[in-house]
N, C-alpha and C. Protein backbone atom coordinates (compact mmCIF):
# COMPACT_ATOMS: atom_id res chain seq x y z
N MET A 1 123.88 75.60 147.68
CA MET A 1 123.91 76.42 148.82
C MET A 1 124.32 75.59 149.98
N ARG A 2 125.08 76.35 150.92
CA ARG A 2 125.68 75.62 152.02
C ARG A 2 124.60 75.24 153.09
N PRO A 3 124.73 74.32 153.79
CA PRO A 3 123.74 73.79 154.76
C PRO A 3 123.53 74.89 155.86
N GLU A 4 124.47 75.63 156.19
CA GLU A 4 124.26 76.66 157.19
C GLU A 4 123.29 77.71 156.78
N LYS A 5 123.53 78.13 155.52
CA LYS A 5 122.61 79.14 154.96
C LYS A 5 121.27 78.63 154.86
N THR A 6 121.11 77.41 154.51
CA THR A 6 119.69 76.85 154.37
C THR A 6 118.98 76.88 155.71
N SER A 7 119.85 76.47 156.78
CA SER A 7 119.20 76.44 158.03
C SER A 7 118.80 77.84 158.53
N ILE A 8 119.67 78.85 158.22
CA ILE A 8 119.33 80.33 158.57
C ILE A 8 118.10 80.70 157.84
N ILE A 9 118.03 80.42 156.45
CA ILE A 9 116.80 80.78 155.74
C ILE A 9 115.61 80.07 156.29
N ASP A 10 115.69 78.84 156.68
CA ASP A 10 114.50 78.10 157.26
C ASP A 10 114.10 78.79 158.62
N GLU A 11 115.15 79.26 159.42
CA GLU A 11 114.78 79.84 160.64
C GLU A 11 114.13 81.13 160.43
N ILE A 12 114.59 82.04 159.57
CA ILE A 12 114.02 83.28 159.23
C ILE A 12 112.65 83.06 158.69
N LYS A 13 112.47 82.04 157.70
CA LYS A 13 111.12 81.83 157.17
C LYS A 13 110.09 81.45 158.20
N GLY A 14 110.56 80.65 159.14
CA GLY A 14 109.67 80.31 160.26
C GLY A 14 109.21 81.51 161.08
N LYS A 15 110.14 82.38 161.39
CA LYS A 15 109.70 83.64 162.09
C LYS A 15 108.90 84.53 161.26
N VAL A 16 109.14 84.59 159.96
CA VAL A 16 108.34 85.45 159.09
C VAL A 16 106.97 84.87 159.00
N ASN A 17 106.86 83.56 158.90
CA ASN A 17 105.55 82.94 158.88
C ASN A 17 104.69 83.06 160.18
N ALA A 18 105.33 83.17 161.30
CA ALA A 18 104.63 83.32 162.55
C ALA A 18 104.30 84.74 162.88
N SER A 19 104.87 85.65 162.11
CA SER A 19 104.63 87.07 162.37
C SER A 19 103.77 87.65 161.27
N PRO A 20 102.73 88.41 161.78
CA PRO A 20 101.81 89.02 160.82
C PRO A 20 102.40 90.26 160.07
N PHE A 21 103.58 90.72 160.57
CA PHE A 21 104.17 91.87 159.93
C PHE A 21 105.77 91.76 159.91
N VAL A 22 106.33 92.44 158.82
CA VAL A 22 107.80 92.49 158.85
C VAL A 22 108.10 93.95 158.54
N LEU A 23 108.90 94.60 159.39
CA LEU A 23 109.34 95.91 159.14
C LEU A 23 110.76 96.04 158.90
N LEU A 24 111.22 96.66 157.85
CA LEU A 24 112.55 96.81 157.48
C LEU A 24 113.23 98.18 158.00
N THR A 25 114.44 98.14 158.46
CA THR A 25 115.18 99.36 158.85
C THR A 25 116.57 99.26 158.39
N GLU A 26 117.13 100.51 158.24
CA GLU A 26 118.52 100.56 157.82
C GLU A 26 119.21 100.99 159.18
N TYR A 27 120.12 100.22 159.59
CA TYR A 27 120.64 100.40 161.01
C TYR A 27 122.09 100.96 160.99
N GLY A 28 122.64 101.24 159.77
CA GLY A 28 124.03 101.63 159.63
C GLY A 28 124.34 102.90 160.48
N GLY A 29 125.42 102.92 161.27
CA GLY A 29 125.80 104.00 162.00
C GLY A 29 125.24 103.94 163.37
N MET A 30 124.47 102.94 163.80
CA MET A 30 123.86 102.82 165.11
C MET A 30 124.93 102.40 166.04
N ARG A 31 124.92 102.92 167.25
CA ARG A 31 125.76 102.55 168.34
C ARG A 31 125.33 101.24 168.96
N VAL A 32 126.11 100.37 169.51
CA VAL A 32 125.62 99.17 170.14
C VAL A 32 124.80 99.34 171.25
N ASP A 33 124.97 100.33 172.15
CA ASP A 33 124.09 100.54 173.31
C ASP A 33 122.72 101.01 172.81
N HIS A 34 122.62 101.80 171.75
CA HIS A 34 121.30 102.20 171.11
C HIS A 34 120.59 100.99 170.50
N PHE A 35 121.42 100.08 169.84
CA PHE A 35 120.78 98.93 169.22
C PHE A 35 120.08 98.01 170.33
N ASN A 36 120.87 97.84 171.48
CA ASN A 36 120.38 97.00 172.50
C ASN A 36 119.16 97.60 173.27
N GLU A 37 119.17 98.98 173.36
CA GLU A 37 117.99 99.72 173.91
C GLU A 37 116.76 99.54 172.99
N LEU A 38 116.95 99.65 171.66
CA LEU A 38 115.75 99.32 170.74
C LEU A 38 115.29 97.96 170.89
N ARG A 39 116.21 96.96 170.93
CA ARG A 39 115.81 95.55 171.13
C ARG A 39 114.97 95.43 172.45
N LYS A 40 115.38 96.06 173.43
CA LYS A 40 114.71 96.02 174.79
C LYS A 40 113.20 96.60 174.66
N ARG A 41 113.17 97.72 174.00
CA ARG A 41 111.88 98.45 173.94
C ARG A 41 110.90 97.61 173.03
N LEU A 42 111.40 96.94 171.99
CA LEU A 42 110.67 96.22 171.05
C LEU A 42 110.19 94.95 171.70
N ARG A 43 111.08 94.41 172.52
CA ARG A 43 110.78 93.13 173.20
C ARG A 43 109.62 93.30 174.15
N ALA A 44 109.54 94.56 174.76
CA ALA A 44 108.43 94.88 175.64
C ALA A 44 106.97 94.85 174.93
N THR A 45 107.10 95.01 173.54
CA THR A 45 105.81 95.06 172.75
C THR A 45 105.59 93.67 172.10
N GLY A 46 106.41 92.69 172.30
CA GLY A 46 106.20 91.38 171.87
C GLY A 46 106.86 91.36 170.48
N ALA A 47 107.82 92.17 170.14
CA ALA A 47 108.45 92.20 168.80
C ALA A 47 109.99 91.85 169.01
N GLU A 48 110.63 91.56 167.89
CA GLU A 48 112.01 91.22 167.90
C GLU A 48 112.72 91.99 166.90
N TYR A 49 113.89 92.49 167.24
CA TYR A 49 114.72 93.21 166.20
C TYR A 49 115.97 92.36 165.85
N ARG A 50 116.19 92.06 164.57
CA ARG A 50 117.16 91.20 164.25
C ARG A 50 117.94 91.64 162.96
N VAL A 51 119.18 91.57 162.96
CA VAL A 51 119.97 91.85 161.78
C VAL A 51 120.08 90.59 160.84
N VAL A 52 119.77 90.81 159.59
CA VAL A 52 119.78 89.74 158.71
C VAL A 52 120.51 90.09 157.38
N LYS A 53 121.03 89.18 156.69
CA LYS A 53 121.61 89.45 155.42
C LYS A 53 120.49 89.69 154.30
N ASN A 54 120.75 90.52 153.49
CA ASN A 54 119.68 90.79 152.52
C ASN A 54 119.26 89.65 151.61
N ASN A 55 120.25 88.95 151.14
CA ASN A 55 120.02 87.78 150.23
C ASN A 55 119.30 86.67 150.97
N LEU A 56 119.60 86.47 152.31
CA LEU A 56 118.93 85.41 153.02
C LEU A 56 117.44 85.79 153.39
N LEU A 57 117.27 87.13 153.63
CA LEU A 57 115.88 87.64 153.94
C LEU A 57 115.09 87.51 152.62
N ARG A 58 115.64 87.96 151.50
CA ARG A 58 114.87 87.93 150.29
C ARG A 58 114.57 86.42 149.99
N ARG A 59 115.45 85.56 150.16
CA ARG A 59 115.07 84.11 149.87
C ARG A 59 113.98 83.56 150.89
N ALA A 60 114.10 84.09 152.10
CA ALA A 60 113.06 83.54 153.16
C ALA A 60 111.77 84.24 152.77
N LEU A 61 111.63 85.34 152.47
CA LEU A 61 110.41 85.96 151.98
C LEU A 61 109.80 85.32 150.75
N LYS A 62 110.57 85.02 149.83
CA LYS A 62 110.14 84.36 148.68
C LYS A 62 109.63 82.89 148.96
N ASP A 63 110.43 82.18 149.78
CA ASP A 63 109.88 80.89 150.32
C ASP A 63 108.65 80.86 151.02
N ALA A 64 108.48 82.02 151.79
CA ALA A 64 107.25 82.08 152.58
C ALA A 64 106.07 82.61 151.85
N GLY A 65 106.29 82.96 150.44
CA GLY A 65 105.25 83.46 149.72
C GLY A 65 104.79 84.89 149.88
N LEU A 66 105.73 85.60 150.44
CA LEU A 66 105.46 87.14 150.66
C LEU A 66 105.89 87.90 149.51
N PRO A 67 105.38 89.11 149.38
CA PRO A 67 105.83 89.97 148.31
C PRO A 67 107.34 90.32 148.45
N GLU A 68 107.98 90.73 147.27
CA GLU A 68 109.44 91.14 147.26
C GLU A 68 109.49 92.54 147.73
N LEU A 69 110.43 92.85 148.60
CA LEU A 69 110.76 94.16 148.96
C LEU A 69 111.74 94.80 148.06
N ALA A 70 111.38 95.93 147.41
CA ALA A 70 112.35 96.54 146.50
C ALA A 70 113.59 97.17 147.18
N ASP A 71 113.41 97.70 148.33
CA ASP A 71 114.46 98.40 148.97
C ASP A 71 115.25 97.52 149.95
N LEU A 72 115.49 96.31 149.64
CA LEU A 72 116.29 95.34 150.52
C LEU A 72 117.66 95.52 150.08
N ASN A 73 118.35 96.51 150.60
CA ASN A 73 119.76 96.80 150.43
C ASN A 73 120.36 97.50 151.61
N GLY A 74 121.64 97.58 151.62
CA GLY A 74 122.23 98.26 152.82
C GLY A 74 122.32 97.33 154.07
N GLN A 75 122.50 98.05 155.10
CA GLN A 75 122.65 97.34 156.43
C GLN A 75 121.13 97.17 156.98
N THR A 76 120.62 95.99 156.84
CA THR A 76 119.16 95.80 157.05
C THR A 76 119.01 95.04 158.44
N ALA A 77 118.08 95.54 159.12
CA ALA A 77 117.56 94.77 160.32
C ALA A 77 116.02 94.69 160.23
N VAL A 78 115.39 93.64 160.67
CA VAL A 78 113.95 93.51 160.62
C VAL A 78 113.33 93.42 162.01
N VAL A 79 112.14 93.96 161.97
CA VAL A 79 111.27 93.87 163.19
C VAL A 79 110.18 92.81 162.87
N LEU A 80 110.23 91.75 163.73
CA LEU A 80 109.17 90.69 163.53
C LEU A 80 108.42 90.54 164.86
N GLY A 81 107.17 90.31 164.89
CA GLY A 81 106.45 89.98 166.12
C GLY A 81 105.18 89.19 165.98
N GLU A 82 104.68 88.84 167.04
CA GLU A 82 103.38 88.07 167.00
C GLU A 82 102.17 88.82 167.39
N LYS A 83 102.44 90.10 167.94
CA LYS A 83 101.34 90.85 168.48
C LYS A 83 101.00 91.99 167.56
N ASP A 84 100.92 93.24 168.26
CA ASP A 84 100.45 94.39 167.56
C ASP A 84 101.57 95.15 166.71
N VAL A 85 101.24 95.27 165.36
CA VAL A 85 102.21 95.98 164.66
C VAL A 85 102.25 97.50 165.00
N CYS A 86 101.20 97.97 165.42
CA CYS A 86 101.11 99.44 165.82
C CYS A 86 102.08 99.76 166.99
N ALA A 87 102.17 98.95 167.95
CA ALA A 87 103.02 99.12 169.09
C ALA A 87 104.53 99.07 168.56
N ALA A 88 104.73 98.15 167.68
CA ALA A 88 106.18 98.01 167.25
C ALA A 88 106.54 99.16 166.39
N ALA A 89 105.53 99.66 165.54
CA ALA A 89 105.83 100.88 164.61
C ALA A 89 105.97 102.14 165.55
N LYS A 90 105.33 102.16 166.70
CA LYS A 90 105.35 103.36 167.50
C LYS A 90 106.73 103.43 168.25
N VAL A 91 107.27 102.20 168.67
CA VAL A 91 108.58 102.18 169.27
C VAL A 91 109.60 102.58 168.24
N LEU A 92 109.50 102.16 166.96
CA LEU A 92 110.38 102.58 165.99
C LEU A 92 110.40 104.09 165.79
N LYS A 93 109.23 104.62 165.68
CA LYS A 93 108.95 106.05 165.38
C LYS A 93 109.60 106.91 166.55
N THR A 94 109.36 106.50 167.73
CA THR A 94 109.77 107.28 168.86
C THR A 94 111.32 107.20 168.99
N PHE A 95 111.78 105.98 168.78
CA PHE A 95 113.31 105.81 168.90
C PHE A 95 113.99 106.49 167.71
N THR A 96 113.40 106.48 166.56
CA THR A 96 114.05 107.29 165.54
C THR A 96 114.11 108.79 165.73
N ALA A 97 112.98 109.22 166.37
CA ALA A 97 112.89 110.66 166.65
C ALA A 97 113.98 111.03 167.79
N GLU A 98 114.17 110.06 168.73
CA GLU A 98 115.06 110.29 169.84
C GLU A 98 116.47 110.14 169.40
N PHE A 99 116.95 109.23 168.63
CA PHE A 99 118.30 108.95 168.29
C PHE A 99 118.61 109.06 166.71
N THR A 100 117.67 109.42 165.92
CA THR A 100 117.81 109.51 164.51
C THR A 100 118.21 108.24 163.74
N LYS A 101 118.37 107.26 164.36
CA LYS A 101 118.62 105.94 163.66
C LYS A 101 117.80 104.84 164.58
N PRO A 102 117.40 103.86 163.86
CA PRO A 102 117.55 103.46 162.51
C PRO A 102 116.59 104.14 161.60
N ASN A 103 116.85 104.12 160.28
CA ASN A 103 115.91 104.70 159.35
C ASN A 103 114.84 103.60 158.98
N ILE A 104 113.56 103.84 159.04
CA ILE A 104 112.57 102.99 158.68
C ILE A 104 112.47 102.98 157.11
N LYS A 105 112.47 101.86 156.59
CA LYS A 105 112.47 101.72 155.16
C LYS A 105 111.10 101.25 154.65
N SER A 106 110.66 100.17 154.89
CA SER A 106 109.35 99.58 154.34
C SER A 106 108.91 98.44 155.21
N GLY A 107 107.96 97.70 154.79
CA GLY A 107 107.50 96.49 155.43
C GLY A 107 106.47 95.76 154.82
N ILE A 108 105.87 94.70 155.44
CA ILE A 108 104.86 93.88 154.88
C ILE A 108 103.95 93.66 156.05
N LEU A 109 102.65 93.89 155.84
CA LEU A 109 101.59 93.63 156.82
C LEU A 109 100.49 92.77 156.11
N ASP A 110 100.35 91.61 156.62
CA ASP A 110 99.30 90.72 155.96
C ASP A 110 99.34 90.53 154.52
N ASN A 111 100.62 90.32 153.98
CA ASN A 111 100.98 90.15 152.59
C ASN A 111 100.80 91.43 151.73
N ALA A 112 100.57 92.57 152.38
CA ALA A 112 100.55 93.87 151.64
C ALA A 112 101.86 94.67 151.84
N LEU A 113 102.37 95.22 150.90
CA LEU A 113 103.50 96.07 151.05
C LEU A 113 103.23 97.44 151.82
N LEU A 114 104.05 97.82 152.66
CA LEU A 114 103.94 99.08 153.31
C LEU A 114 105.15 99.99 153.04
N GLY A 115 104.84 101.29 152.84
CA GLY A 115 105.92 102.25 152.61
C GLY A 115 106.18 102.89 154.05
N LYS A 116 107.10 103.71 154.20
CA LYS A 116 107.57 104.35 155.33
C LYS A 116 106.49 105.18 155.88
N GLU A 117 105.69 105.95 155.00
CA GLU A 117 104.66 106.81 155.43
C GLU A 117 103.53 105.98 156.14
N GLN A 118 103.31 104.80 155.61
CA GLN A 118 102.24 103.93 156.13
C GLN A 118 102.64 103.31 157.39
N ILE A 119 103.92 102.99 157.58
CA ILE A 119 104.40 102.53 158.82
C ILE A 119 104.29 103.65 159.93
N LEU A 120 104.64 104.93 159.54
CA LEU A 120 104.51 105.99 160.60
C LEU A 120 103.05 106.21 160.91
N ALA A 121 102.11 106.03 159.90
CA ALA A 121 100.77 106.19 160.17
C ALA A 121 100.23 105.09 161.15
N LEU A 122 100.75 103.86 160.95
CA LEU A 122 100.46 102.82 161.90
C LEU A 122 100.90 103.20 163.33
N ALA A 123 101.94 103.84 163.37
CA ALA A 123 102.55 104.33 164.67
C ALA A 123 101.59 105.25 165.40
N ASP A 124 100.84 106.02 164.59
CA ASP A 124 99.96 107.10 165.31
C ASP A 124 98.54 106.53 165.72
N LEU A 125 98.38 105.28 165.30
CA LEU A 125 97.12 104.71 165.77
C LEU A 125 97.13 104.29 167.25
N PRO A 126 95.94 104.36 167.87
CA PRO A 126 95.94 103.89 169.35
C PRO A 126 96.17 102.43 169.45
N PRO A 127 96.50 101.98 170.69
CA PRO A 127 96.78 100.46 170.72
C PRO A 127 95.57 99.62 170.39
N LYS A 128 95.70 98.40 170.11
CA LYS A 128 94.80 97.46 169.55
C LYS A 128 93.59 97.44 170.53
N GLU A 129 93.81 97.36 171.81
CA GLU A 129 92.90 97.16 172.88
C GLU A 129 91.85 98.36 172.72
N VAL A 130 92.40 99.66 172.59
CA VAL A 130 91.52 100.73 172.51
C VAL A 130 90.67 100.75 171.22
N LEU A 131 91.28 100.39 170.17
CA LEU A 131 90.50 100.31 168.89
C LEU A 131 89.41 99.21 169.05
N GLN A 132 89.68 98.11 169.69
CA GLN A 132 88.68 97.08 169.80
C GLN A 132 87.56 97.65 170.76
N ALA A 133 87.90 98.33 171.75
CA ALA A 133 86.85 98.97 172.63
C ALA A 133 85.93 99.91 171.94
N LYS A 134 86.64 100.73 171.14
CA LYS A 134 85.93 101.69 170.32
C LYS A 134 84.85 101.01 169.30
N LEU A 135 85.43 100.00 168.67
CA LEU A 135 84.61 99.20 167.69
C LEU A 135 83.48 98.53 168.46
N LEU A 136 83.70 97.90 169.61
CA LEU A 136 82.59 97.37 170.39
C LEU A 136 81.55 98.33 170.75
N GLY A 137 82.02 99.64 171.16
CA GLY A 137 81.00 100.69 171.52
C GLY A 137 80.20 101.09 170.32
N LEU A 138 80.78 101.08 169.20
CA LEU A 138 80.11 101.48 168.01
C LEU A 138 79.05 100.42 167.55
N LEU A 139 79.50 99.08 167.81
CA LEU A 139 78.54 97.96 167.52
C LEU A 139 77.44 97.90 168.49
N GLN A 140 77.60 98.23 169.70
CA GLN A 140 76.58 98.15 170.72
C GLN A 140 75.68 99.42 170.75
N ALA A 141 76.08 100.49 170.19
CA ALA A 141 75.37 101.69 170.19
C ALA A 141 73.93 101.57 169.45
N PRO A 142 73.92 100.96 168.19
CA PRO A 142 72.61 100.68 167.58
C PRO A 142 71.68 99.80 168.38
N ALA A 143 72.22 98.77 169.03
CA ALA A 143 71.44 97.80 169.70
C ALA A 143 70.80 98.51 170.88
N SER A 144 71.55 99.27 171.66
CA SER A 144 71.00 99.93 172.80
C SER A 144 69.98 101.04 172.50
N ALA A 145 70.27 101.72 171.31
CA ALA A 145 69.37 102.77 170.89
C ALA A 145 68.07 102.00 170.38
N LEU A 146 68.10 100.92 169.76
CA LEU A 146 66.94 100.18 169.42
C LEU A 146 66.09 99.76 170.67
N ALA A 147 66.85 99.25 171.65
CA ALA A 147 66.14 98.90 172.87
C ALA A 147 65.41 100.00 173.54
N ARG A 148 66.07 101.19 173.58
CA ARG A 148 65.37 102.37 174.05
C ARG A 148 64.15 102.69 173.34
N LEU A 149 64.31 102.61 171.96
CA LEU A 149 63.20 103.00 170.96
C LEU A 149 61.99 102.05 171.26
N LEU A 150 62.33 100.75 171.41
CA LEU A 150 61.21 99.77 171.50
C LEU A 150 60.55 99.93 172.88
N ASN A 151 61.40 100.28 173.93
CA ASN A 151 60.84 100.46 175.29
C ASN A 151 60.03 101.71 175.46
N THR A 152 60.36 102.78 174.60
CA THR A 152 59.59 104.07 174.82
C THR A 152 58.17 103.95 174.60
N PRO A 153 57.66 103.41 173.45
CA PRO A 153 56.22 103.33 173.25
C PRO A 153 55.60 102.58 174.32
N ALA A 154 56.10 101.49 174.89
CA ALA A 154 55.51 100.62 175.90
C ALA A 154 55.39 101.46 177.21
N SER A 155 56.55 102.18 177.47
CA SER A 155 56.44 103.04 178.77
C SER A 155 55.46 104.16 178.63
N GLN A 156 55.38 104.65 177.45
CA GLN A 156 54.36 105.74 177.23
C GLN A 156 52.86 105.21 177.35
N LEU A 157 52.71 103.96 176.76
CA LEU A 157 51.40 103.31 176.87
C LEU A 157 51.04 103.01 178.29
N ALA A 158 52.01 102.68 179.08
CA ALA A 158 51.74 102.26 180.44
C ALA A 158 51.45 103.55 181.17
N GLN A 159 52.14 104.65 180.98
CA GLN A 159 51.81 105.90 181.62
C GLN A 159 50.37 106.43 181.28
N VAL A 160 50.01 106.32 180.01
CA VAL A 160 48.58 106.68 179.68
C VAL A 160 47.61 105.80 180.25
N LEU A 161 47.81 104.52 180.44
CA LEU A 161 46.90 103.60 181.01
C LEU A 161 46.70 103.99 182.50
N LYS A 162 47.90 104.24 183.16
CA LYS A 162 47.90 104.58 184.60
C LYS A 162 47.15 105.91 184.79
N ALA A 163 47.38 106.82 183.95
CA ALA A 163 46.71 108.11 184.06
C ALA A 163 45.27 107.97 183.88
N ASN A 164 44.85 107.21 182.91
CA ASN A 164 43.47 106.94 182.66
C ASN A 164 42.80 106.18 183.72
N SER A 165 43.48 105.29 184.33
CA SER A 165 42.84 104.49 185.42
C SER A 165 42.72 105.37 186.68
N GLU A 166 43.67 106.30 186.94
CA GLU A 166 43.61 107.21 188.02
C GLU A 166 42.47 108.25 187.81
N LYS A 167 42.31 108.60 186.56
CA LYS A 167 41.13 109.60 186.25
C LYS A 167 39.73 108.87 186.45
N GLU A 168 39.64 107.65 186.13
CA GLU A 168 38.32 107.00 186.28
C GLU A 168 37.98 106.67 187.72
N GLN A 169 38.90 106.52 188.55
CA GLN A 169 38.65 106.24 189.98
C GLN A 169 38.19 107.51 190.67
N PRO A 170 37.04 107.51 191.45
CA PRO A 170 36.68 108.70 192.11
C PRO A 170 37.60 109.07 193.24
N ALA A 171 37.74 110.31 193.33
CA ALA A 171 38.64 110.84 194.44
C ALA A 171 37.94 110.70 195.73
N ALA A 172 38.63 110.34 196.86
CA ALA A 172 38.05 110.07 198.17
C ALA A 172 38.01 111.42 198.94
């Protein structure tokens, strides 16, 4: 293999290893201004949109120890990022609805293969921060309910003692 190809494979492998997700798209027939607009929107989410040769991507994925993608054919571009996969999937979904291109093919998330339907389902999820806040609320709910439950008998006992002490004292 030529040294140029080896360096390209190493570069792709490094980006794939740094990214928790890889999303494949078919970009054939896309206009250049649409391509640049999609890159701009993905960059805002911390993702990168890049055209790669299928053989080089296949080799980089294999070298990175990731599963093989069956639909790695045609004019392929990949979405890689270091942040939220849901935000990148949401950008792809809205852009595809707006311009009909690129076609979402498949992907990899944490070493698991994703189909087109699963990527679209990820796009419908709320942002990561919202999910974390909901989870935190769910985790804190039992603790606050337990604190209220433990405080209730003590406050009731205090009210009974206060009422009893007021009853024992003669009225003036």
